Amino acid sequence: KSDFINFISDQEWKSIEPVSSWFGPSSFLMSSMSALFQLSMWIRHCHGYLTETVGIPVWGSYAIFALATLFSGLILGLVSEALMSSWPH
């Protein structure tokens, strides 16, 4: 605590280089990282729900997430292919 107070009172913070806008809290990169962390917490919550409340075994929950990953990849691939094939050359 005293180090922090000295840091402020001695104005040592003026000598620190500011964070670039690319790594700022409101940048696209940090917003994307935040979204990924929120997604991982949601997946963890779903896994807990499936195993504890519904009673699905752990391997069953993993299988559901694996199938969901494969299915979403298939859909994204089909959509991207449809968009690219209709894109003017």
PDB file of N, CA and C in Angstrom:
ATOM      1  N   LYS A   1       0.837  -1.183   0.000  1.00  0.00           N
ATOM      2  CA  LYS A   1       0.000   0.000   0.000  1.00  0.00           C
ATOM      3  C   LYS A   1       0.883   1.249   0.000  1.00  0.00           C
ATOM      4  N   SER A   2       1.929   1.235   0.819  1.00  0.00           N
ATOM      5  CA  SER A   2       2.796   2.413   0.901  1.00  0.00           C
ATOM      6  C   SER A   2       3.539   2.646  -0.418  1.00  0.00           C
ATOM      7  N   ASP A   3       3.904   1.548  -1.124  1.00  0.00           N
ATOM      8  CA  ASP A   3       4.551   1.708  -2.427  1.00  0.00           C
ATOM      9  C   ASP A   3       3.635   2.409  -3.416  1.00  0.00           C
ATOM     10  N   PHE A   4       2.363   2.062  -3.379  1.00  0.00           N
ATOM     11  CA  PHE A   4       1.410   2.687  -4.284  1.00  0.00           C
ATOM     12  C   PHE A   4       1.229   4.169  -3.948  1.00  0.00           C
ATOM     13  N   ILE A   5       1.135   4.485  -2.677  1.00  0.00           N
ATOM     14  CA  ILE A   5       0.992   5.887  -2.254  1.00  0.00           C
ATOM     15  C   ILE A   5       2.222   6.688  -2.657  1.00  0.00           C
ATOM     16  N   ASN A   6       3.414   6.119  -2.476  1.00  0.00           N
ATOM     17  CA  ASN A   6       4.645   6.797  -2.898  1.00  0.00           C
ATOM     18  C   ASN A   6       4.694   6.962  -4.418  1.00  0.00           C
ATOM     19  N   PHE A   7       4.218   5.976  -5.128  1.00  0.00           N
ATOM     20  CA  PHE A   7       4.176   6.037  -6.580  1.00  0.00           C
ATOM     21  C   PHE A   7       3.332   7.225  -7.049  1.00  0.00           C
ATOM     22  N   ILE A   8       2.221   7.458  -6.355  1.00  0.00           N
ATOM     23  CA  ILE A   8       1.336   8.575  -6.710  1.00  0.00           C
ATOM     24  C   ILE A   8       1.898   9.902  -6.206  1.00  0.00           C
ATOM     25  N   SER A   9       2.290   9.947  -4.970  1.00  0.00           N
ATOM     26  CA  SER A   9       2.740  11.220  -4.392  1.00  0.00           C
ATOM     27  C   SER A   9       4.062  11.709  -4.995  1.00  0.00           C
ATOM     28  N   ASP A  10       4.957  10.782  -5.371  1.00  0.00           N
ATOM     29  CA  ASP A  10       6.226  11.182  -5.988  1.00  0.00           C
ATOM     30  C   ASP A  10       6.091  11.378  -7.501  1.00  0.00           C
ATOM     31  N   GLN A  11       4.893  11.179  -8.012  1.00  0.00           N
ATOM     32  CA  GLN A  11       4.563  11.339  -9.434  1.00  0.00           C
ATOM     33  C   GLN A  11       5.453  10.470 -10.329  1.00  0.00           C
ATOM     34  N   GLU A  12       5.746   9.283  -9.844  1.00  0.00           N
ATOM     35  CA  GLU A  12       6.525   8.348 -10.636  1.00  0.00           C
ATOM     36  C   GLU A  12       5.740   7.857 -11.855  1.00  0.00           C
ATOM     37  N   TRP A  13       4.426   7.975 -11.813  1.00  0.00           N
ATOM     38  CA  TRP A  13       3.587   7.525 -12.902  1.00  0.00           C
ATOM     39  C   TRP A  13       3.834   8.322 -14.180  1.00  0.00           C
ATOM     40  N   LYS A  14       4.404   9.518 -14.063  1.00  0.00           N
ATOM     41  CA  LYS A  14       4.667  10.333 -15.247  1.00  0.00           C
ATOM     42  C   LYS A  14       5.778   9.744 -16.112  1.00  0.00           C
ATOM     43  N   SER A  15       6.649   8.948 -15.510  1.00  0.00           N
ATOM     44  CA  SER A  15       7.770   8.382 -16.261  1.00  0.00           C
ATOM     45  C   SER A  15       7.404   7.084 -16.990  1.00  0.00           C
ATOM     46  N   ILE A  16       6.197   6.582 -16.769  1.00  0.00           N
ATOM     47  CA  ILE A  16       5.777   5.327 -17.395  1.00  0.00           C
ATOM     48  C   ILE A  16       5.192   5.627 -18.770  1.00  0.00           C
ATOM     49  N   GLU A  17       5.611   4.850 -19.752  1.00  0.00           N
ATOM     50  CA  GLU A  17       5.128   5.013 -21.115  1.00  0.00           C
ATOM     51  C   GLU A  17       3.682   4.515 -21.207  1.00  0.00           C
ATOM     52  N   PRO A  18       2.803   5.284 -21.856  1.00  0.00           N
ATOM     53  CA  PRO A  18       1.406   4.854 -21.953  1.00  0.00           C
ATOM     54  C   PRO A  18       1.253   3.596 -22.818  1.00  0.00           C
ATOM     55  N   VAL A  19       0.202   2.866 -22.553  1.00  0.00           N
ATOM     56  CA  VAL A  19      -0.099   1.658 -23.316  1.00  0.00           C
ATOM     57  C   VAL A  19      -0.556   2.080 -24.710  1.00  0.00           C
ATOM     58  N   SER A  20      -0.080   1.375 -25.732  1.00  0.00           N
ATOM     59  CA  SER A  20      -0.492   1.723 -27.086  1.00  0.00           C
ATOM     60  C   SER A  20      -1.988   1.468 -27.252  1.00  0.00           C
ATOM     61  N   SER A  21      -2.584   2.162 -28.191  1.00  0.00           N
ATOM     62  CA  SER A  21      -4.033   2.032 -28.380  1.00  0.00           C
ATOM     63  C   SER A  21      -4.417   0.618 -28.801  1.00  0.00           C
ATOM     64  N   TRP A  22      -3.471  -0.110 -29.413  1.00  0.00           N
ATOM     65  CA  TRP A  22      -3.745  -1.472 -29.834  1.00  0.00           C
ATOM     66  C   TRP A  22      -4.017  -2.386 -28.635  1.00  0.00           C
ATOM     67  N   PHE A  23      -3.370  -2.109 -27.501  1.00  0.00           N
ATOM     68  CA  PHE A  23      -3.550  -2.923 -26.297  1.00  0.00           C
ATOM     69  C   PHE A  23      -4.421  -2.249 -25.248  1.00  0.00           C
ATOM     70  N   GLY A  24      -5.059  -1.149 -25.600  1.00  0.00           N
ATOM     71  CA  GLY A  24      -5.941  -0.460 -24.661  1.00  0.00           C
ATOM     72  C   GLY A  24      -7.167  -1.290 -24.358  1.00  0.00           C
ATOM     73  N   PRO A  25      -7.824  -1.034 -23.248  1.00  0.00           N
ATOM     74  CA  PRO A  25      -8.967  -1.850 -22.840  1.00  0.00           C
ATOM     75  C   PRO A  25     -10.153  -1.788 -23.803  1.00  0.00           C
ATOM     76  N   SER A  26     -10.268  -0.729 -24.580  1.00  0.00           N
ATOM     77  CA  SER A  26     -11.405  -0.624 -25.495  1.00  0.00           C
ATOM     78  C   SER A  26     -11.017  -0.956 -26.937  1.00  0.00           C
ATOM     79  N   SER A  27      -9.825  -1.481 -27.158  1.00  0.00           N
ATOM     80  CA  SER A  27      -9.389  -1.815 -28.519  1.00  0.00           C
ATOM     81  C   SER A  27     -10.097  -3.078 -29.005  1.00  0.00           C
ATOM     82  N   PHE A  28     -10.048  -3.286 -30.305  1.00  0.00           N
ATOM     83  CA  PHE A  28     -10.664  -4.477 -30.902  1.00  0.00           C
ATOM     84  C   PHE A  28     -10.013  -5.751 -30.364  1.00  0.00           C
ATOM     85  N   LEU A  29      -8.704  -5.735 -30.217  1.00  0.00           N
ATOM     86  CA  LEU A  29      -7.979  -6.912 -29.733  1.00  0.00           C
ATOM     87  C   LEU A  29      -8.432  -7.300 -28.323  1.00  0.00           C
ATOM     88  N   MET A  30      -8.485  -6.328 -27.427  1.00  0.00           N
ATOM     89  CA  MET A  30      -8.868  -6.632 -26.048  1.00  0.00           C
ATOM     90  C   MET A  30     -10.352  -6.976 -25.943  1.00  0.00           C
ATOM     91  N   SER A  31     -11.183  -6.352 -26.767  1.00  0.00           N
ATOM     92  CA  SER A  31     -12.610  -6.711 -26.780  1.00  0.00           C
ATOM     93  C   SER A  31     -12.791  -8.149 -27.259  1.00  0.00           C
ATOM     94  N   SER A  32     -12.002  -8.539 -28.252  1.00  0.00           N
ATOM     95  CA  SER A  32     -12.066  -9.917 -28.747  1.00  0.00           C
ATOM     96  C   SER A  32     -11.600 -10.900 -27.685  1.00  0.00           C
ATOM     97  N   MET A  33     -10.532 -10.560 -26.985  1.00  0.00           N
ATOM     98  CA  MET A  33     -10.045 -11.428 -25.908  1.00  0.00           C
ATOM     99  C   MET A  33     -11.095 -11.569 -24.812  1.00  0.00           C
ATOM    100  N   SER A  34     -11.751 -10.476 -24.492  1.00  0.00           N
ATOM    101  CA  SER A  34     -12.806 -10.513 -23.479  1.00  0.00           C
ATOM    102  C   SER A  34     -13.946 -11.418 -23.923  1.00  0.00           C
ATOM    103  N   ALA A  35     -14.323 -11.322 -25.191  1.00  0.00           N
ATOM    104  CA  ALA A  35     -15.391 -12.176 -25.712  1.00  0.00           C
ATOM    105  C   ALA A  35     -14.998 -13.645 -25.645  1.00  0.00           C
ATOM    106  N   LEU A  36     -13.737 -13.964 -25.944  1.00  0.00           N
ATOM    107  CA  LEU A  36     -13.284 -15.357 -25.854  1.00  0.00           C
ATOM    108  C   LEU A  36     -13.315 -15.875 -24.421  1.00  0.00           C
ATOM    109  N   PHE A  37     -12.918 -15.034 -23.467  1.00  0.00           N
ATOM    110  CA  PHE A  37     -12.980 -15.448 -22.064  1.00  0.00           C
ATOM    111  C   PHE A  37     -14.422 -15.647 -21.619  1.00  0.00           C
ATOM    112  N   GLN A  38     -15.328 -14.773 -22.061  1.00  0.00           N
ATOM    113  CA  GLN A  38     -16.738 -14.936 -21.712  1.00  0.00           C
ATOM    114  C   GLN A  38     -17.305 -16.209 -22.334  1.00  0.00           C
ATOM    115  N   LEU A  39     -16.895 -16.510 -23.581  1.00  0.00           N
ATOM    116  CA  LEU A  39     -17.335 -17.741 -24.225  1.00  0.00           C
ATOM    117  C   LEU A  39     -16.835 -18.960 -23.454  1.00  0.00           C
ATOM    118  N   SER A  40     -15.584 -18.930 -23.017  1.00  0.00           N
ATOM    119  CA  SER A  40     -15.051 -20.072 -22.275  1.00  0.00           C
ATOM    120  C   SER A  40     -15.774 -20.255 -20.944  1.00  0.00           C
ATOM    121  N   MET A  41     -16.160 -19.156 -20.295  1.00  0.00           N
ATOM    122  CA  MET A  41     -16.904 -19.276 -19.042  1.00  0.00           C
ATOM    123  C   MET A  41     -18.310 -19.834 -19.296  1.00  0.00           C
ATOM    124  N   TRP A  42     -18.923 -19.441 -20.426  1.00  0.00           N
ATOM    125  CA  TRP A  42     -20.238 -19.955 -20.780  1.00  0.00           C
ATOM    126  C   TRP A  42     -20.159 -21.454 -21.063  1.00  0.00           C
ATOM    127  N   ILE A  43     -19.118 -21.879 -21.779  1.00  0.00           N
ATOM    128  CA  ILE A  43     -18.936 -23.305 -22.073  1.00  0.00           C
ATOM    129  C   ILE A  43     -18.718 -24.084 -20.782  1.00  0.00           C
ATOM    130  N   ARG A  44     -17.952 -23.517 -19.871  1.00  0.00           N
ATOM    131  CA  ARG A  44     -17.719 -24.165 -18.567  1.00  0.00           C
ATOM    132  C   ARG A  44     -19.036 -24.303 -17.801  1.00  0.00           C
ATOM    133  N   HIS A  45     -19.851 -23.258 -17.850  1.00  0.00           N
ATOM    134  CA  HIS A  45     -21.159 -23.296 -17.188  1.00  0.00           C
ATOM    135  C   HIS A  45     -22.043 -24.376 -17.813  1.00  0.00           C
ATOM    136  N   CYS A  46     -22.057 -24.447 -19.143  1.00  0.00           N
ATOM    137  CA  CYS A  46     -22.857 -25.468 -19.829  1.00  0.00           C
ATOM    138  C   CYS A  46     -22.375 -26.870 -19.490  1.00  0.00           C
ATOM    139  N   HIS A  47     -21.059 -27.053 -19.427  1.00  0.00           N
ATOM    140  CA  HIS A  47     -20.504 -28.361 -19.071  1.00  0.00           C
ATOM    141  C   HIS A  47     -20.947 -28.753 -17.656  1.00  0.00           C
ATOM    142  N   GLY A  48     -20.880 -27.802 -16.732  1.00  0.00           N
ATOM    143  CA  GLY A  48     -21.327 -28.075 -15.371  1.00  0.00           C
ATOM    144  C   GLY A  48     -22.808 -28.419 -15.316  1.00  0.00           C
ATOM    145  N   TYR A  49     -23.605 -27.700 -16.086  1.00  0.00           N
ATOM    146  CA  TYR A  49     -25.044 -27.968 -16.124  1.00  0.00           C
ATOM    147  C   TYR A  49     -25.311 -29.359 -16.673  1.00  0.00           C
ATOM    148  N   LEU A  50     -24.638 -29.701 -17.773  1.00  0.00           N
ATOM    149  CA  LEU A  50     -24.873 -31.006 -18.392  1.00  0.00           C
ATOM    150  C   LEU A  50     -24.443 -32.157 -17.487  1.00  0.00           C
ATOM    151  N   THR A  51     -23.330 -31.990 -16.793  1.00  0.00           N
ATOM    152  CA  THR A  51     -22.831 -33.098 -15.963  1.00  0.00           C
ATOM    153  C   THR A  51     -23.489 -33.156 -14.590  1.00  0.00           C
ATOM    154  N   GLU A  52     -23.770 -32.012 -13.990  1.00  0.00           N
ATOM    155  CA  GLU A  52     -24.293 -32.011 -12.623  1.00  0.00           C
ATOM    156  C   GLU A  52     -25.817 -32.021 -12.567  1.00  0.00           C
ATOM    157  N   THR A  53     -26.474 -31.224 -13.396  1.00  0.00           N
ATOM    158  CA  THR A  53     -27.931 -31.116 -13.328  1.00  0.00           C
ATOM    159  C   THR A  53     -28.609 -32.177 -14.185  1.00  0.00           C
ATOM    160  N   VAL A  54     -28.189 -32.305 -15.420  1.00  0.00           N
ATOM    161  CA  VAL A  54     -28.814 -33.255 -16.335  1.00  0.00           C
ATOM    162  C   VAL A  54     -28.333 -34.676 -16.056  1.00  0.00           C
ATOM    163  N   GLY A  55     -27.095 -34.824 -15.600  1.00  0.00           N
ATOM    164  CA  GLY A  55     -26.563 -36.138 -15.258  1.00  0.00           C
ATOM    165  C   GLY A  55     -25.842 -36.841 -16.395  1.00  0.00           C
ATOM    166  N   ILE A  56     -25.483 -36.107 -17.422  1.00  0.00           N
ATOM    167  CA  ILE A  56     -24.732 -36.683 -18.536  1.00  0.00           C
ATOM    168  C   ILE A  56     -23.298 -36.933 -18.061  1.00  0.00           C
ATOM    169  N   PRO A  57     -22.701 -38.081 -18.427  1.00  0.00           N
ATOM    170  CA  PRO A  57     -21.303 -38.306 -18.036  1.00  0.00           C
ATOM    171  C   PRO A  57     -20.380 -37.280 -18.701  1.00  0.00           C
ATOM    172  N   VAL A  58     -19.203 -37.108 -18.122  1.00  0.00           N
ATOM    173  CA  VAL A  58     -18.250 -36.112 -18.617  1.00  0.00           C
ATOM    174  C   VAL A  58     -17.920 -36.368 -20.081  1.00  0.00           C
ATOM    175  N   TRP A  59     -17.683 -37.644 -20.438  1.00  0.00           N
ATOM    176  CA  TRP A  59     -17.353 -37.947 -21.831  1.00  0.00           C
ATOM    177  C   TRP A  59     -18.510 -37.588 -22.758  1.00  0.00           C
ATOM    178  N   GLY A  60     -19.740 -37.700 -22.277  1.00  0.00           N
ATOM    179  CA  GLY A  60     -20.910 -37.333 -23.082  1.00  0.00           C
ATOM    180  C   GLY A  60     -20.969 -35.833 -23.325  1.00  0.00           C
ATOM    181  N   SER A  61     -20.625 -35.073 -22.292  1.00  0.00           N
ATOM    182  CA  SER A  61     -20.583 -33.622 -22.444  1.00  0.00           C
ATOM    183  C   SER A  61     -19.510 -33.220 -23.451  1.00  0.00           C
ATOM    184  N   TYR A  62     -18.344 -33.869 -23.364  1.00  0.00           N
ATOM    185  CA  TYR A  62     -17.277 -33.586 -24.330  1.00  0.00           C
ATOM    186  C   TYR A  62     -17.709 -33.948 -25.750  1.00  0.00           C
ATOM    187  N   ALA A  63     -18.419 -35.055 -25.883  1.00  0.00           N
ATOM    188  CA  ALA A  63     -18.900 -35.467 -27.202  1.00  0.00           C
ATOM    189  C   ALA A  63     -19.888 -34.450 -27.768  1.00  0.00           C
ATOM    190  N   ILE A  64     -20.752 -33.916 -26.922  1.00  0.00           N
ATOM    191  CA  ILE A  64     -21.713 -32.894 -27.361  1.00  0.00           C
ATOM    192  C   ILE A  64     -20.970 -31.656 -27.842  1.00  0.00           C
ATOM    193  N   PHE A  65     -19.969 -31.211 -27.082  1.00  0.00           N
ATOM    194  CA  PHE A  65     -19.206 -30.030 -27.489  1.00  0.00           C
ATOM    195  C   PHE A  65     -18.397 -30.303 -28.754  1.00  0.00           C
ATOM    196  N   ALA A  66     -17.885 -31.514 -28.914  1.00  0.00           N
ATOM    197  CA  ALA A  66     -17.138 -31.846 -30.131  1.00  0.00           C
ATOM    198  C   ALA A  66     -18.059 -31.819 -31.345  1.00  0.00           C
ATOM    199  N   LEU A  67     -19.250 -32.386 -31.206  1.00  0.00           N
ATOM    200  CA  LEU A  67     -20.206 -32.369 -32.318  1.00  0.00           C
ATOM    201  C   LEU A  67     -20.674 -30.949 -32.630  1.00  0.00           C
ATOM    202  N   ALA A  68     -20.878 -30.152 -31.595  1.00  0.00           N
ATOM    203  CA  ALA A  68     -21.279 -28.758 -31.814  1.00  0.00           C
ATOM    204  C   ALA A  68     -20.177 -27.983 -32.532  1.00  0.00           C
ATOM    205  N   THR A  69     -18.920 -28.258 -32.177  1.00  0.00           N
ATOM    206  CA  THR A  69     -17.791 -27.605 -32.844  1.00  0.00           C
ATOM    207  C   THR A  69     -17.722 -28.016 -34.314  1.00  0.00           C
ATOM    208  N   LEU A  70     -17.863 -29.311 -34.589  1.00  0.00           N
ATOM    209  CA  LEU A  70     -17.835 -29.791 -35.969  1.00  0.00           C
ATOM    210  C   LEU A  70     -18.995 -29.213 -36.779  1.00  0.00           C
ATOM    211  N   PHE A  71     -20.190 -29.194 -36.188  1.00  0.00           N
ATOM    212  CA  PHE A  71     -21.364 -28.676 -36.882  1.00  0.00           C
ATOM    213  C   PHE A  71     -21.229 -27.187 -37.168  1.00  0.00           C
ATOM    214  N   SER A  72     -20.740 -26.413 -36.190  1.00  0.00           N
ATOM    215  CA  SER A  72     -20.581 -24.970 -36.424  1.00  0.00           C
ATOM    216  C   SER A  72     -19.508 -24.714 -37.473  1.00  0.00           C
ATOM    217  N   GLY A  73     -18.435 -25.514 -37.494  1.00  0.00           N
ATOM    218  CA  GLY A  73     -17.420 -25.385 -38.526  1.00  0.00           C
ATOM    219  C   GLY A  73     -17.978 -25.700 -39.905  1.00  0.00           C
ATOM    220  N   LEU A  74     -18.830 -26.719 -39.975  1.00  0.00           N
ATOM    221  CA  LEU A  74     -19.465 -27.075 -41.241  1.00  0.00           C
ATOM    222  C   LEU A  74     -20.348 -25.937 -41.738  1.00  0.00           C
ATOM    223  N   ILE A  75     -21.152 -25.387 -40.861  1.00  0.00           N
ATOM    224  CA  ILE A  75     -22.043 -24.283 -41.237  1.00  0.00           C
ATOM    225  C   ILE A  75     -21.237 -23.065 -41.672  1.00  0.00           C
ATOM    226  N   LEU A  76     -20.210 -22.700 -40.901  1.00  0.00           N
ATOM    227  CA  LEU A  76     -19.376 -21.555 -41.281  1.00  0.00           C
ATOM    228  C   LEU A  76     -18.676 -21.785 -42.617  1.00  0.00           C
ATOM    229  N   GLY A  77     -18.213 -23.000 -42.851  1.00  0.00           N
ATOM    230  CA  GLY A  77     -17.578 -23.323 -44.123  1.00  0.00           C
ATOM    231  C   GLY A  77     -18.544 -23.212 -45.284  1.00  0.00           C
ATOM    232  N   LEU A  78     -19.751 -23.720 -45.105  1.00  0.00           N
ATOM    233  CA  LEU A  78     -20.757 -23.628 -46.163  1.00  0.00           C
ATOM    234  C   LEU A  78     -21.158 -22.188 -46.444  1.00  0.00           C
ATOM    235  N   VAL A  79     -21.332 -21.408 -45.390  1.00  0.00           N
ATOM    236  CA  VAL A  79     -21.708 -20.002 -45.563  1.00  0.00           C
ATOM    237  C   VAL A  79     -20.585 -19.236 -46.249  1.00  0.00           C
ATOM    238  N   SER A  80     -19.342 -19.463 -45.830  1.00  0.00           N
ATOM    239  CA  SER A  80     -18.231 -18.739 -46.451  1.00  0.00           C
ATOM    240  C   SER A  80     -18.057 -19.154 -47.910  1.00  0.00           C
ATOM    241  N   GLU A  81     -18.263 -20.420 -48.209  1.00  0.00           N
ATOM    242  CA  GLU A  81     -18.170 -20.875 -49.600  1.00  0.00           C
ATOM    243  C   GLU A  81     -19.291 -20.271 -50.442  1.00  0.00           C
ATOM    244  N   ALA A  82     -20.480 -20.197 -49.882  1.00  0.00           N
ATOM    245  CA  ALA A  82     -21.602 -19.597 -50.619  1.00  0.00           C
ATOM    246  C   ALA A  82     -21.346 -18.113 -50.872  1.00  0.00           C
ATOM    247  N   LEU A  83     -20.794 -17.428 -49.884  1.00  0.00           N
ATOM    248  CA  LEU A  83     -20.496 -16.005 -50.065  1.00  0.00           C
ATOM    249  C   LEU A  83     -19.383 -15.800 -51.080  1.00  0.00           C
ATOM    250  N   MET A  84     -18.366 -16.641 -51.053  1.00  0.00           N
ATOM    251  CA  MET A  84     -17.241 -16.483 -51.984  1.00  0.00           C
ATOM    252  C   MET A  84     -17.634 -16.861 -53.412  1.00  0.00           C
ATOM    253  N   SER A  85     -18.516 -17.832 -53.564  1.00  0.00           N
ATOM    254  CA  SER A  85     -18.912 -18.230 -54.920  1.00  0.00           C
ATOM    255  C   SER A  85     -19.831 -17.202 -55.551  1.00  0.00           C
ATOM    256  N   SER A  86     -20.552 -16.446 -54.744  1.00  0.00           N
ATOM    257  CA  SER A  86     -21.431 -15.413 -55.287  1.00  0.00           C
ATOM    258  C   SER A  86     -20.738 -14.058 -55.368  1.00  0.00           C
ATOM    259  N   TRP A  87     -19.510 -13.972 -54.878  1.00  0.00           N
ATOM    260  CA  TRP A  87     -18.751 -12.719 -54.897  1.00  0.00           C
ATOM    261  C   TRP A  87     -18.342 -12.403 -56.337  1.00  0.00           C
ATOM    262  N   PRO A  88     -18.517 -11.153 -56.790  1.00  0.00           N
ATOM    263  CA  PRO A  88     -18.135 -10.839 -58.176  1.00  0.00           C
ATOM    264  C   PRO A  88     -16.630 -10.992 -58.399  1.00  0.00           C
ATOM    265  N   HIS A  89     -16.264 -11.564 -59.531  1.00  0.00           N
ATOM    266  CA  HIS A  89     -14.864 -11.808 -59.853  1.00  0.00           C
ATOM    267  C   HIS A  89     -14.258 -10.648 -60.567  1.00  0.00           C
TER     268      HIS A  89
END
